[in-house]
PDB file of N, CA and C in Angstrom:
ATOM      1  N   MET A   1      38.827  22.040  33.703  1.00  0.00           N
ATOM      2  CA  MET A   1      37.929  20.911  33.854  1.00  0.00           C
ATOM      3  C   MET A   1      38.222  19.827  32.829  1.00  0.00           C
ATOM      4  N   ASN A   2      38.464  20.222  31.593  1.00  0.00           N
ATOM      5  CA  ASN A   2      38.751  19.277  30.514  1.00  0.00           C
ATOM      6  C   ASN A   2      40.053  18.522  30.781  1.00  0.00           C
ATOM      7  N   ASP A   3      41.031  19.206  31.375  1.00  0.00           N
ATOM      8  CA  ASP A   3      42.319  18.588  31.694  1.00  0.00           C
ATOM      9  C   ASP A   3      42.155  17.503  32.762  1.00  0.00           C
ATOM     10  N   ASN A   4      41.293  17.735  33.747  1.00  0.00           N
ATOM     11  CA  ASN A   4      41.031  16.735  34.791  1.00  0.00           C
ATOM     12  C   ASN A   4      40.373  15.488  34.224  1.00  0.00           C
ATOM     13  N   LYS A   5      39.449  15.661  33.277  1.00  0.00           N
ATOM     14  CA  LYS A   5      38.794  14.505  32.654  1.00  0.00           C
ATOM     15  C   LYS A   5      39.809  13.634  31.928  1.00  0.00           C
ATOM     16  N   LYS A   6      40.761  14.269  31.246  1.00  0.00           N
ATOM     17  CA  LYS A   6      41.803  13.510  30.540  1.00  0.00           C
ATOM     18  C   LYS A   6      42.656  12.718  31.528  1.00  0.00           C
ATOM     19  N   LYS A   7      43.017  13.344  32.641  1.00  0.00           N
ATOM     20  CA  LYS A   7      43.833  12.659  33.645  1.00  0.00           C
ATOM     21  C   LYS A   7      43.083  11.479  34.253  1.00  0.00           C
ATOM     22  N   ILE A   8      41.809  11.667  34.522  1.00  0.00           N
ATOM     23  CA  ILE A   8      40.998  10.580  35.085  1.00  0.00           C
ATOM     24  C   ILE A   8      40.863   9.444  34.082  1.00  0.00           C
ATOM     25  N   THR A   9      40.615   9.779  32.821  1.00  0.00           N
ATOM     26  CA  THR A   9      40.482   8.756  31.775  1.00  0.00           C
ATOM     27  C   THR A   9      41.776   7.965  31.616  1.00  0.00           C
ATOM     28  N   VAL A  10      42.895   8.664  31.575  1.00  0.00           N
ATOM     29  CA  VAL A  10      44.194   7.990  31.457  1.00  0.00           C
ATOM     30  C   VAL A  10      44.437   7.102  32.679  1.00  0.00           C
ATOM     31  N   GLY A  11      44.119   7.591  33.858  1.00  0.00           N
ATOM     32  CA  GLY A  11      44.287   6.804  35.080  1.00  0.00           C
ATOM     33  C   GLY A  11      43.442   5.541  35.078  1.00  0.00           C
ATOM     34  N   ILE A  12      42.207   5.654  34.591  1.00  0.00           N
ATOM     35  CA  ILE A  12      41.330   4.480  34.515  1.00  0.00           C
ATOM     36  C   ILE A  12      41.903   3.450  33.547  1.00  0.00           C
ATOM     37  N   PHE A  13      42.356   3.902  32.381  1.00  0.00           N
ATOM     38  CA  PHE A  13      42.930   2.965  31.406  1.00  0.00           C
ATOM     39  C   PHE A  13      44.198   2.295  31.937  1.00  0.00           C
ATOM     40  N   ILE A  14      45.021   3.034  32.647  1.00  0.00           N
ATOM     41  CA  ILE A  14      46.233   2.446  33.235  1.00  0.00           C
ATOM     42  C   ILE A  14      45.853   1.407  34.291  1.00  0.00           C
ATOM     43  N   ALA A  15      44.875   1.728  35.131  1.00  0.00           N
ATOM     44  CA  ALA A  15      44.439   0.777  36.163  1.00  0.00           C
ATOM     45  C   ALA A  15      43.863  -0.488  35.532  1.00  0.00           C
ATOM     46  N   ILE A  16      43.051  -0.332  34.488  1.00  0.00           N
ATOM     47  CA  ILE A  16      42.491  -1.500  33.794  1.00  0.00           C
ATOM     48  C   ILE A  16      43.607  -2.334  33.172  1.00  0.00           C
ATOM     49  N   GLY A  17      44.589  -1.675  32.568  1.00  0.00           N
ATOM     50  CA  GLY A  17      45.724  -2.388  31.972  1.00  0.00           C
ATOM     51  C   GLY A  17      46.503  -3.185  33.007  1.00  0.00           C
ATOM     52  N   ILE A  18      46.726  -2.596  34.163  1.00  0.00           N
ATOM     53  CA  ILE A  18      47.445  -3.295  35.232  1.00  0.00           C
ATOM     54  C   ILE A  18      46.643  -4.495  35.726  1.00  0.00           C
ATOM     55  N   LEU A  19      45.332  -4.329  35.884  1.00  0.00           N
ATOM     56  CA  LEU A  19      44.487  -5.445  36.318  1.00  0.00           C
ATOM     57  C   LEU A  19      44.504  -6.591  35.303  1.00  0.00           C
ATOM     58  N   ILE A  20      44.435  -6.262  34.025  1.00  0.00           N
ATOM     59  CA  ILE A  20      44.491  -7.298  32.983  1.00  0.00           C
ATOM     60  C   ILE A  20      45.840  -8.011  33.020  1.00  0.00           C
ATOM     61  N   PHE A  21      46.917  -7.268  33.206  1.00  0.00           N
ATOM     62  CA  PHE A  21      48.255  -7.851  33.272  1.00  0.00           C
ATOM     63  C   PHE A  21      48.381  -8.807  34.461  1.00  0.00           C
ATOM     64  N   VAL A  22      47.915  -8.390  35.628  1.00  0.00           N
ATOM     65  CA  VAL A  22      47.984  -9.240  36.825  1.00  0.00           C
ATOM     66  C   VAL A  22      47.139 -10.495  36.636  1.00  0.00           C
ATOM     67  N   PHE A  23      45.948 -10.353  36.076  1.00  0.00           N
ATOM     68  CA  PHE A  23      45.084 -11.497  35.808  1.00  0.00           C
ATOM     69  C   PHE A  23      45.764 -12.476  34.848  1.00  0.00           C
ATOM     70  N   ALA A  24      46.406 -11.958  33.807  1.00  0.00           N
ATOM     71  CA  ALA A  24      47.096 -12.819  32.834  1.00  0.00           C
ATOM     72  C   ALA A  24      48.256 -13.567  33.483  1.00  0.00           C
ATOM     73  N   ILE A  25      49.007 -12.907  34.335  1.00  0.00           N
ATOM     74  CA  ILE A  25      50.135 -13.550  35.022  1.00  0.00           C
ATOM     75  C   ILE A  25      49.642 -14.721  35.867  1.00  0.00           C
ATOM     76  N   PHE A  26      48.596 -14.516  36.642  1.00  0.00           N
ATOM     77  CA  PHE A  26      48.084 -15.592  37.493  1.00  0.00           C
ATOM     78  C   PHE A  26      47.441 -16.706  36.683  1.00  0.00           C
ATOM     79  N   THR A  27      46.780 -16.364  35.590  1.00  0.00           N
ATOM     80  CA  THR A  27      46.177 -17.393  34.742  1.00  0.00           C
ATOM     81  C   THR A  27      47.252 -18.258  34.107  1.00  0.00           C
ATOM     82  N   LEU A  28      48.262 -17.644  33.521  1.00  0.00           N
ATOM     83  CA  LEU A  28      49.344 -18.416  32.907  1.00  0.00           C
ATOM     84  C   LEU A  28      50.141 -19.172  33.957  1.00  0.00           C
ATOM     85  N   GLY A  29      50.350 -18.570  35.102  1.00  0.00           N
ATOM     86  CA  GLY A  29      51.084 -19.231  36.175  1.00  0.00           C
ATOM     87  C   GLY A  29      50.377 -20.467  36.688  1.00  0.00           C
ATOM     88  N   SER A  30      49.066 -20.420  36.762  1.00  0.00           N
ATOM     89  CA  SER A  30      48.337 -21.595  37.238  1.00  0.00           C
ATOM     90  C   SER A  30      48.323 -22.697  36.190  1.00  0.00           C
ATOM     91  N   GLN A  31      48.334 -22.337  34.909  1.00  0.00           N
ATOM     92  CA  GLN A  31      48.372 -23.350  33.860  1.00  0.00           C
ATOM     93  C   GLN A  31      49.718 -24.057  33.832  1.00  0.00           C
ATOM     94  N   LYS A  32      50.784 -23.322  34.031  1.00  0.00           N
ATOM     95  CA  LYS A  32      52.111 -23.925  34.038  1.00  0.00           C
ATOM     96  C   LYS A  32      52.497 -24.384  35.436  1.00  0.00           C
ATOM     97  N   LYS A  33      51.647 -24.137  36.389  1.00  0.00           N
ATOM     98  CA  LYS A  33      51.856 -24.517  37.783  1.00  0.00           C
ATOM     99  C   LYS A  33      53.134 -23.894  38.344  1.00  0.00           C
ATOM    100  N   THR A  34      53.343 -22.635  37.990  1.00  0.00           N
ATOM    101  CA  THR A  34      54.519 -21.900  38.425  1.00  0.00           C
ATOM    102  C   THR A  34      54.525 -21.687  39.932  1.00  0.00           C
ATOM    103  N   PHE A  35      53.351 -21.517  40.509  1.00  0.00           N
ATOM    104  CA  PHE A  35      53.272 -21.182  41.924  1.00  0.00           C
ATOM    105  C   PHE A  35      53.002 -22.397  42.803  1.00  0.00           C
ATOM    106  N   VAL A  36      53.141 -23.595  42.257  1.00  0.00           N
ATOM    107  CA  VAL A  36      52.907 -24.831  43.001  1.00  0.00           C
ATOM    108  C   VAL A  36      54.237 -25.320  43.566  1.00  0.00           C
ATOM    109  N   LYS A  37      54.258 -25.715  44.839  1.00  0.00           N
ATOM    110  CA  LYS A  37      55.486 -26.255  45.438  1.00  0.00           C
ATOM    111  C   LYS A  37      55.824 -27.576  44.771  1.00  0.00           C
ATOM    112  N   SER A  38      57.126 -27.800  44.579  1.00  0.00           N
ATOM    113  CA  SER A  38      57.549 -29.027  43.898  1.00  0.00           C
ATOM    114  C   SER A  38      58.847 -29.552  44.495  1.00  0.00           C
ATOM    115  N   PHE A  39      59.168 -30.788  44.143  1.00  0.00           N
ATOM    116  CA  PHE A  39      60.449 -31.380  44.516  1.00  0.00           C
ATOM    117  C   PHE A  39      61.080 -31.951  43.253  1.00  0.00           C
ATOM    118  N   THR A  40      62.392 -32.176  43.311  1.00  0.00           N
ATOM    119  CA  THR A  40      63.118 -32.666  42.148  1.00  0.00           C
ATOM    120  C   THR A  40      63.411 -34.149  42.301  1.00  0.00           C
ATOM    121  N   LEU A  41      63.193 -34.875  41.232  1.00  0.00           N
ATOM    122  CA  LEU A  41      63.443 -36.308  41.158  1.00  0.00           C
ATOM    123  C   LEU A  41      64.307 -36.527  39.928  1.00  0.00           C
ATOM    124  N   SER A  42      65.305 -37.401  40.006  1.00  0.00           N
ATOM    125  CA  SER A  42      66.125 -37.654  38.819  1.00  0.00           C
ATOM    126  C   SER A  42      66.012 -39.109  38.396  1.00  0.00           C
ATOM    127  N   VAL A  43      66.023 -39.312  37.090  1.00  0.00           N
ATOM    128  CA  VAL A  43      66.001 -40.655  36.510  1.00  0.00           C
ATOM    129  C   VAL A  43      67.088 -40.721  35.445  1.00  0.00           C
ATOM    130  N   VAL A  44      67.623 -41.922  35.242  1.00  0.00           N
ATOM    131  CA  VAL A  44      68.696 -42.112  34.265  1.00  0.00           C
ATOM    132  C   VAL A  44      68.194 -43.030  33.161  1.00  0.00           C
ATOM    133  N   PHE A  45      68.405 -42.600  31.917  1.00  0.00           N
ATOM    134  CA  PHE A  45      68.010 -43.378  30.746  1.00  0.00           C
ATOM    135  C   PHE A  45      69.226 -43.628  29.867  1.00  0.00           C
ATOM    136  N   ASN A  46      69.191 -44.729  29.115  1.00  0.00           N
ATOM    137  CA  ASN A  46      70.217 -44.969  28.103  1.00  0.00           C
ATOM    138  C   ASN A  46      69.947 -44.140  26.852  1.00  0.00           C
ATOM    139  N   ASP A  47      68.669 -43.903  26.548  1.00  0.00           N
ATOM    140  CA  ASP A  47      68.269 -43.139  25.366  1.00  0.00           C
ATOM    141  C   ASP A  47      67.023 -42.340  25.729  1.00  0.00           C
ATOM    142  N   ILE A  48      67.079 -41.017  25.586  1.00  0.00           N
ATOM    143  CA  ILE A  48      65.927 -40.201  25.977  1.00  0.00           C
ATOM    144  C   ILE A  48      64.944 -39.973  24.828  1.00  0.00           C
ATOM    145  N   GLN A  49      65.218 -40.479  23.666  1.00  0.00           N
ATOM    146  CA  GLN A  49      64.278 -40.515  22.543  1.00  0.00           C
ATOM    147  C   GLN A  49      63.639 -39.172  22.214  1.00  0.00           C
ATOM    148  N   GLY A  50      64.382 -38.100  22.348  1.00  0.00           N
ATOM    149  CA  GLY A  50      63.859 -36.785  21.980  1.00  0.00           C
ATOM    150  C   GLY A  50      63.180 -36.007  23.092  1.00  0.00           C
ATOM    151  N   LEU A  51      63.350 -36.426  24.343  1.00  0.00           N
ATOM    152  CA  LEU A  51      62.797 -35.645  25.456  1.00  0.00           C
ATOM    153  C   LEU A  51      63.412 -34.254  25.455  1.00  0.00           C
ATOM    154  N   LYS A  52      62.647 -33.268  25.898  1.00  0.00           N
ATOM    155  CA  LYS A  52      63.137 -31.895  25.982  1.00  0.00           C
ATOM    156  C   LYS A  52      62.748 -31.297  27.327  1.00  0.00           C
ATOM    157  N   LYS A  53      63.507 -30.306  27.734  1.00  0.00           N
ATOM    158  CA  LYS A  53      63.171 -29.559  28.940  1.00  0.00           C
ATOM    159  C   LYS A  53      61.767 -28.982  28.751  1.00  0.00           C
ATOM    160  N   GLY A  54      60.929 -29.133  29.774  1.00  0.00           N
ATOM    161  CA  GLY A  54      59.566 -28.616  29.702  1.00  0.00           C
ATOM    162  C   GLY A  54      58.524 -29.655  29.334  1.00  0.00           C
ATOM    163  N   ASN A  55      58.964 -30.828  28.826  1.00  0.00           N
ATOM    164  CA  ASN A  55      58.002 -31.894  28.528  1.00  0.00           C
ATOM    165  C   ASN A  55      57.334 -32.363  29.822  1.00  0.00           C
ATOM    166  N   ASN A  56      56.184 -32.995  29.694  1.00  0.00           N
ATOM    167  CA  ASN A  56      55.380 -33.386  30.852  1.00  0.00           C
ATOM    168  C   ASN A  56      55.827 -34.697  31.493  1.00  0.00           C
ATOM    169  N   VAL A  57      55.484 -34.839  32.776  1.00  0.00           N
ATOM    170  CA  VAL A  57      55.681 -36.076  33.534  1.00  0.00           C
ATOM    171  C   VAL A  57      54.299 -36.543  33.981  1.00  0.00           C
ATOM    172  N   TRP A  58      53.995 -37.830  33.735  1.00  0.00           N
ATOM    173  CA  TRP A  58      52.686 -38.394  34.058  1.00  0.00           C
ATOM    174  C   TRP A  58      52.830 -39.553  35.039  1.00  0.00           C
ATOM    175  N   PHE A  59      51.823 -39.705  35.881  1.00  0.00           N
ATOM    176  CA  PHE A  59      51.744 -40.833  36.803  1.00  0.00           C
ATOM    177  C   PHE A  59      50.290 -41.288  36.831  1.00  0.00           C
ATOM    178  N   SER A  60      50.041 -42.532  36.471  1.00  0.00           N
ATOM    179  CA  SER A  60      48.683 -43.095  36.431  1.00  0.00           C
ATOM    180  C   SER A  60      47.715 -42.234  35.625  1.00  0.00           C
ATOM    181  N   GLY A  61      48.188 -41.703  34.510  1.00  0.00           N
ATOM    182  CA  GLY A  61      47.333 -40.916  33.630  1.00  0.00           C
ATOM    183  C   GLY A  61      47.109 -39.476  34.045  1.00  0.00           C
ATOM    184  N   VAL A  62      47.839 -39.024  35.064  1.00  0.00           N
ATOM    185  CA  VAL A  62      47.681 -37.660  35.563  1.00  0.00           C
ATOM    186  C   VAL A  62      49.001 -36.911  35.399  1.00  0.00           C
ATOM    187  N   LYS A  63      48.935 -35.689  34.860  1.00  0.00           N
ATOM    188  CA  LYS A  63      50.142 -34.873  34.741  1.00  0.00           C
ATOM    189  C   LYS A  63      50.537 -34.399  36.135  1.00  0.00           C
ATOM    190  N   ILE A  64      51.764 -34.733  36.537  1.00  0.00           N
ATOM    191  CA  ILE A  64      52.209 -34.375  37.890  1.00  0.00           C
ATOM    192  C   ILE A  64      53.457 -33.502  37.893  1.00  0.00           C
ATOM    193  N   GLY A  65      53.996 -33.191  36.721  1.00  0.00           N
ATOM    194  CA  GLY A  65      55.193 -32.365  36.694  1.00  0.00           C
ATOM    195  C   GLY A  65      55.731 -32.163  35.299  1.00  0.00           C
ATOM    196  N   THR A  66      56.953 -31.616  35.252  1.00  0.00           N
ATOM    197  CA  THR A  66      57.626 -31.350  33.983  1.00  0.00           C
ATOM    198  C   THR A  66      59.106 -31.705  34.090  1.00  0.00           C
ATOM    199  N   ILE A  67      59.743 -31.798  32.942  1.00  0.00           N
ATOM    200  CA  ILE A  67      61.185 -32.041  32.898  1.00  0.00           C
ATOM    201  C   ILE A  67      61.890 -30.718  33.153  1.00  0.00           C
ATOM    202  N   LYS A  68      62.752 -30.721  34.158  1.00  0.00           N
ATOM    203  CA  LYS A  68      63.426 -29.507  34.598  1.00  0.00           C
ATOM    204  C   LYS A  68      64.792 -29.327  33.922  1.00  0.00           C
ATOM    205  N   LYS A  69      65.527 -30.437  33.770  1.00  0.00           N
ATOM    206  CA  LYS A  69      66.898 -30.341  33.269  1.00  0.00           C
ATOM    207  C   LYS A  69      67.311 -31.688  32.695  1.00  0.00           C
ATOM    208  N   ILE A  70      68.162 -31.653  31.662  1.00  0.00           N
ATOM    209  CA  ILE A  70      68.694 -32.875  31.058  1.00  0.00           C
ATOM    210  C   ILE A  70      70.207 -32.719  30.950  1.00  0.00           C
ATOM    211  N   GLU A  71      70.950 -33.759  31.399  1.00  0.00           N
ATOM    212  CA  GLU A  71      72.408 -33.700  31.309  1.00  0.00           C
ATOM    213  C   GLU A  71      72.975 -35.100  31.097  1.00  0.00           C
ATOM    214  N   PHE A  72      74.176 -35.147  30.545  1.00  0.00           N
ATOM    215  CA  PHE A  72      74.839 -36.436  30.359  1.00  0.00           C
ATOM    216  C   PHE A  72      75.264 -36.994  31.709  1.00  0.00           C
ATOM    217  N   PHE A  73      75.250 -38.343  31.804  1.00  0.00           N
ATOM    218  CA  PHE A  73      75.588 -39.027  33.041  1.00  0.00           C
ATOM    219  C   PHE A  73      76.485 -40.200  32.680  1.00  0.00           C
ATOM    220  N   GLY A  74      77.683 -40.215  33.225  1.00  0.00           N
ATOM    221  CA  GLY A  74      78.614 -41.294  32.892  1.00  0.00           C
ATOM    222  C   GLY A  74      79.064 -41.181  31.442  1.00  0.00           C
ATOM    223  N   THR A  75      79.328 -42.328  30.837  1.00  0.00           N
ATOM    224  CA  THR A  75      79.858 -42.318  29.474  1.00  0.00           C
ATOM    225  C   THR A  75      78.789 -42.379  28.394  1.00  0.00           C
ATOM    226  N   SER A  76      77.645 -42.996  28.685  1.00  0.00           N
ATOM    227  CA  SER A  76      76.656 -43.139  27.613  1.00  0.00           C
ATOM    228  C   SER A  76      75.208 -43.019  28.082  1.00  0.00           C
ATOM    229  N   GLN A  77      75.013 -42.480  29.263  1.00  0.00           N
ATOM    230  CA  GLN A  77      73.651 -42.347  29.769  1.00  0.00           C
ATOM    231  C   GLN A  77      73.277 -40.876  29.924  1.00  0.00           C
ATOM    232  N   VAL A  78      71.990 -40.647  30.133  1.00  0.00           N
ATOM    233  CA  VAL A  78      71.481 -39.291  30.292  1.00  0.00           C
ATOM    234  C   VAL A  78      70.643 -39.231  31.569  1.00  0.00           C
ATOM    235  N   ARG A  79      70.923 -38.239  32.407  1.00  0.00           N
ATOM    236  CA  ARG A  79      70.135 -38.034  33.626  1.00  0.00           C
ATOM    237  C   ARG A  79      69.105 -36.941  33.339  1.00  0.00           C
ATOM    238  N   VAL A  80      67.864 -37.236  33.703  1.00  0.00           N
ATOM    239  CA  VAL A  80      66.759 -36.301  33.494  1.00  0.00           C
ATOM    240  C   VAL A  80      66.221 -35.900  34.865  1.00  0.00           C
ATOM    241  N   TYR A  81      66.185 -34.599  35.130  1.00  0.00           N
ATOM    242  CA  TYR A  81      65.664 -34.080  36.391  1.00  0.00           C
ATOM    243  C   TYR A  81      64.202 -33.691  36.186  1.00  0.00           C
ATOM    244  N   LEU A  82      63.349 -34.208  37.053  1.00  0.00           N
ATOM    245  CA  LEU A  82      61.919 -33.973  36.956  1.00  0.00           C
ATOM    246  C   LEU A  82      61.465 -33.069  38.093  1.00  0.00           C
ATOM    247  N   SER A  83      60.665 -32.089  37.784  1.00  0.00           N
ATOM    248  CA  SER A  83      60.049 -31.241  38.795  1.00  0.00           C
ATOM    249  C   SER A  83      58.642 -31.780  39.035  1.00  0.00           C
ATOM    250  N   ILE A  84      58.425 -32.361  40.219  1.00  0.00           N
ATOM    251  CA  ILE A  84      57.176 -33.044  40.547  1.00  0.00           C
ATOM    252  C   ILE A  84      56.421 -32.243  41.611  1.00  0.00           C
ATOM    253  N   GLU A  85      55.103 -32.138  41.456  1.00  0.00           N
ATOM    254  CA  GLU A  85      54.281 -31.433  42.442  1.00  0.00           C
ATOM    255  C   GLU A  85      54.449 -32.067  43.825  1.00  0.00           C
ATOM    256  N   GLU A  86      54.604 -31.237  44.828  1.00  0.00           N
ATOM    257  CA  GLU A  86      54.846 -31.697  46.202  1.00  0.00           C
ATOM    258  C   GLU A  86      53.766 -32.667  46.687  1.00  0.00           C
ATOM    259  N   ASP A  87      52.518 -32.445  46.312  1.00  0.00           N
ATOM    260  CA  ASP A  87      51.414 -33.309  46.755  1.00  0.00           C
ATOM    261  C   ASP A  87      51.551 -34.743  46.251  1.00  0.00           C
ATOM    262  N   MET A  88      52.299 -34.959  45.193  1.00  0.00           N
ATOM    263  CA  MET A  88      52.430 -36.287  44.590  1.00  0.00           C
ATOM    264  C   MET A  88      53.509 -37.135  45.255  1.00  0.00           C
ATOM    265  N   HIS A  89      54.266 -36.541  46.162  1.00  0.00           N
ATOM    266  CA  HIS A  89      55.378 -37.233  46.814  1.00  0.00           C
ATOM    267  C   HIS A  89      54.933 -38.536  47.474  1.00  0.00           C
ATOM    268  N   LYS A  90      53.755 -38.546  48.063  1.00  0.00           N
ATOM    269  CA  LYS A  90      53.271 -39.728  48.787  1.00  0.00           C
ATOM    270  C   LYS A  90      52.937 -40.897  47.864  1.00  0.00           C
ATOM    271  N   TYR A  91      52.764 -40.648  46.573  1.00  0.00           N
ATOM    272  CA  TYR A  91      52.410 -41.714  45.628  1.00  0.00           C
ATOM    273  C   TYR A  91      53.623 -42.321  44.921  1.00  0.00           C
ATOM    274  N   ILE A  92      54.735 -41.624  44.943  1.00  0.00           N
ATOM    275  CA  ILE A  92      55.927 -42.089  44.234  1.00  0.00           C
ATOM    276  C   ILE A  92      56.850 -42.761  45.241  1.00  0.00           C
ATOM    277  N   HIS A  93      57.044 -44.061  45.080  1.00  0.00           N
ATOM    278  CA  HIS A  93      57.830 -44.851  46.021  1.00  0.00           C
ATOM    279  C   HIS A  93      59.243 -45.070  45.486  1.00  0.00           C
ATOM    280  N   LYS A  94      60.133 -45.539  46.363  1.00  0.00           N
ATOM    281  CA  LYS A  94      61.544 -45.695  46.003  1.00  0.00           C
ATOM    282  C   LYS A  94      61.763 -46.616  44.815  1.00  0.00           C
ATOM    283  N   ASP A  95      60.935 -47.636  44.670  1.00  0.00           N
ATOM    284  CA  ASP A  95      61.135 -48.588  43.575  1.00  0.00           C
ATOM    285  C   ASP A  95      60.226 -48.300  42.368  1.00  0.00           C
ATOM    286  N   ALA A  96      59.735 -47.074  42.270  1.00  0.00           N
ATOM    287  CA  ALA A  96      58.900 -46.697  41.121  1.00  0.00           C
ATOM    288  C   ALA A  96      59.740 -46.746  39.847  1.00  0.00           C
ATOM    289  N   GLY A  97      59.091 -47.030  38.737  1.00  0.00           N
ATOM    290  CA  GLY A  97      59.780 -47.093  37.452  1.00  0.00           C
ATOM    291  C   GLY A  97      59.501 -45.861  36.611  1.00  0.00           C
ATOM    292  N   ALA A  98      60.354 -45.638  35.628  1.00  0.00           N
ATOM    293  CA  ALA A  98      60.174 -44.516  34.707  1.00  0.00           C
ATOM    294  C   ALA A  98      60.411 -45.007  33.289  1.00  0.00           C
ATOM    295  N   SER A  99      59.556 -44.570  32.388  1.00  0.00           N
ATOM    296  CA  SER A  99      59.720 -44.907  30.973  1.00  0.00           C
ATOM    297  C   SER A  99      59.375 -43.679  30.144  1.00  0.00           C
ATOM    298  N   ILE A 100      59.686 -43.751  28.867  1.00  0.00           N
ATOM    299  CA  ILE A 100      59.404 -42.644  27.960  1.00  0.00           C
ATOM    300  C   ILE A 100      58.243 -43.046  27.068  1.00  0.00           C
ATOM    301  N   GLY A 101      57.262 -42.168  26.956  1.00  0.00           N
ATOM    302  CA  GLY A 101      56.095 -42.423  26.122  1.00  0.00           C
ATOM    303  C   GLY A 101      55.812 -41.228  25.234  1.00  0.00           C
ATOM    304  N   ALA A 102      54.704 -41.295  24.516  1.00  0.00           N
ATOM    305  CA  ALA A 102      54.291 -40.206  23.635  1.00  0.00           C
ATOM    306  C   ALA A 102      52.941 -39.679  24.097  1.00  0.00           C
ATOM    307  N   ASP A 103      52.744 -38.391  23.936  1.00  0.00           N
ATOM    308  CA  ASP A 103      51.518 -37.730  24.379  1.00  0.00           C
ATOM    309  C   ASP A 103      50.667 -37.341  23.175  1.00  0.00           C
ATOM    310  N   GLY A 104      49.546 -37.998  23.006  1.00  0.00           N
ATOM    311  CA  GLY A 104      48.585 -37.623  21.974  1.00  0.00           C
ATOM    312  C   GLY A 104      49.046 -37.893  20.558  1.00  0.00           C
ATOM    313  N   LEU A 105      48.326 -37.304  19.604  1.00  0.00           N
ATOM    314  CA  LEU A 105      48.610 -37.511  18.183  1.00  0.00           C
ATOM    315  C   LEU A 105      49.884 -36.821  17.731  1.00  0.00           C
ATOM    316  N   ILE A 106      50.213 -35.719  18.377  1.00  0.00           N
ATOM    317  CA  ILE A 106      51.406 -34.968  17.987  1.00  0.00           C
ATOM    318  C   ILE A 106      52.664 -35.758  18.313  1.00  0.00           C
ATOM    319  N   GLY A 107      52.611 -36.527  19.371  1.00  0.00           N
ATOM    320  CA  GLY A 107      53.735 -37.378  19.733  1.00  0.00           C
ATOM    321  C   GLY A 107      54.782 -36.711  20.585  1.00  0.00           C
ATOM    322  N   ASN A 108      54.420 -35.646  21.313  1.00  0.00           N
ATOM    323  CA  ASN A 108      55.371 -35.053  22.244  1.00  0.00           C
ATOM    324  C   ASN A 108      55.814 -36.118  23.235  1.00  0.00           C
ATOM    325  N   LYS A 109      57.092 -36.163  23.512  1.00  0.00           N
ATOM    326  CA  LYS A 109      57.626 -37.160  24.434  1.00  0.00           C
ATOM    327  C   LYS A 109      57.303 -36.776  25.873  1.00  0.00           C
ATOM    328  N   ILE A 110      56.996 -37.787  26.675  1.00  0.00           N
ATOM    329  CA  ILE A 110      56.701 -37.590  28.091  1.00  0.00           C
ATOM    330  C   ILE A 110      57.438 -38.646  28.905  1.00  0.00           C
ATOM    331  N   VAL A 111      57.626 -38.375  30.184  1.00  0.00           N
ATOM    332  CA  VAL A 111      58.140 -39.373  31.114  1.00  0.00           C
ATOM    333  C   VAL A 111      56.934 -39.933  31.862  1.00  0.00           C
ATOM    334  N   VAL A 112      56.830 -41.255  31.880  1.00  0.00           N
ATOM    335  CA  VAL A 112      55.727 -41.928  32.562  1.00  0.00           C
ATOM    336  C   VAL A 112      56.289 -42.643  33.783  1.00  0.00           C
ATOM    337  N   LEU A 113      55.831 -42.246  34.971  1.00  0.00           N
ATOM    338  CA  LEU A 113      56.239 -42.913  36.207  1.00  0.00           C
ATOM    339  C   LEU A 113      55.217 -43.991  36.529  1.00  0.00           C
ATOM    340  N   THR A 114      55.712 -45.136  36.971  1.00  0.00           N
ATOM    341  CA  THR A 114      54.814 -46.254  37.251  1.00  0.00           C
ATOM    342  C   THR A 114      55.072 -46.844  38.626  1.00  0.00           C
ATOM    343  N   GLY A 115      53.996 -47.274  39.237  1.00  0.00           N
ATOM    344  CA  GLY A 115      53.962 -48.096  40.440  1.00  0.00           C
ATOM    345  C   GLY A 115      54.944 -47.818  41.536  1.00  0.00           C
ATOM    346  N   GLY A 116      55.474 -48.882  42.035  1.00  0.00           N
ATOM    347  CA  GLY A 116      56.314 -48.829  43.206  1.00  0.00           C
ATOM    348  C   GLY A 116      55.574 -49.438  44.376  1.00  0.00           C
ATOM    349  N   ASN A 117      56.319 -50.019  45.272  1.00  0.00           N
ATOM    350  CA  ASN A 117      55.749 -50.684  46.437  1.00  0.00           C
ATOM    351  C   ASN A 117      55.634 -49.686  47.586  1.00  0.00           C
ATOM    352  N   PRO A 118      54.449 -49.526  48.178  1.00  0.00           N
ATOM    353  CA  PRO A 118      54.287 -48.546  49.256  1.00  0.00           C
ATOM    354  C   PRO A 118      55.025 -48.893  50.543  1.00  0.00           C
ATOM    355  N   LYS A 119      55.598 -50.079  50.651  1.00  0.00           N
ATOM    356  CA  LYS A 119      56.294 -50.472  51.879  1.00  0.00           C
ATOM    357  C   LYS A 119      57.668 -49.905  51.950  1.00  0.00           C
TER     358      LYS A 119
END
């Protein structure tokens, strides 16, 4: 009888541990938007001013994505690939602009997308 109680107790703790692990995965995934469909957009800058992979992308004051990849382009430019939430596709037009800004007091670099003509 005592042996069965130990097995049940161990089983309960393992089940609770698995539930906590699954909950943590989904919580962190939703914060980083890991499970959100996205598309890739590329922009070219002469100077990326300290941008890093993983920095945020903003449009009209709303975080809409992150920097996916950074690579050299041509002889003196840098191409930055942005991972943008699929739902935001309708707001970003062909003639939209991109600039580099700072986020908050810490000064993390961000890409700021602006405007564009809906036509």
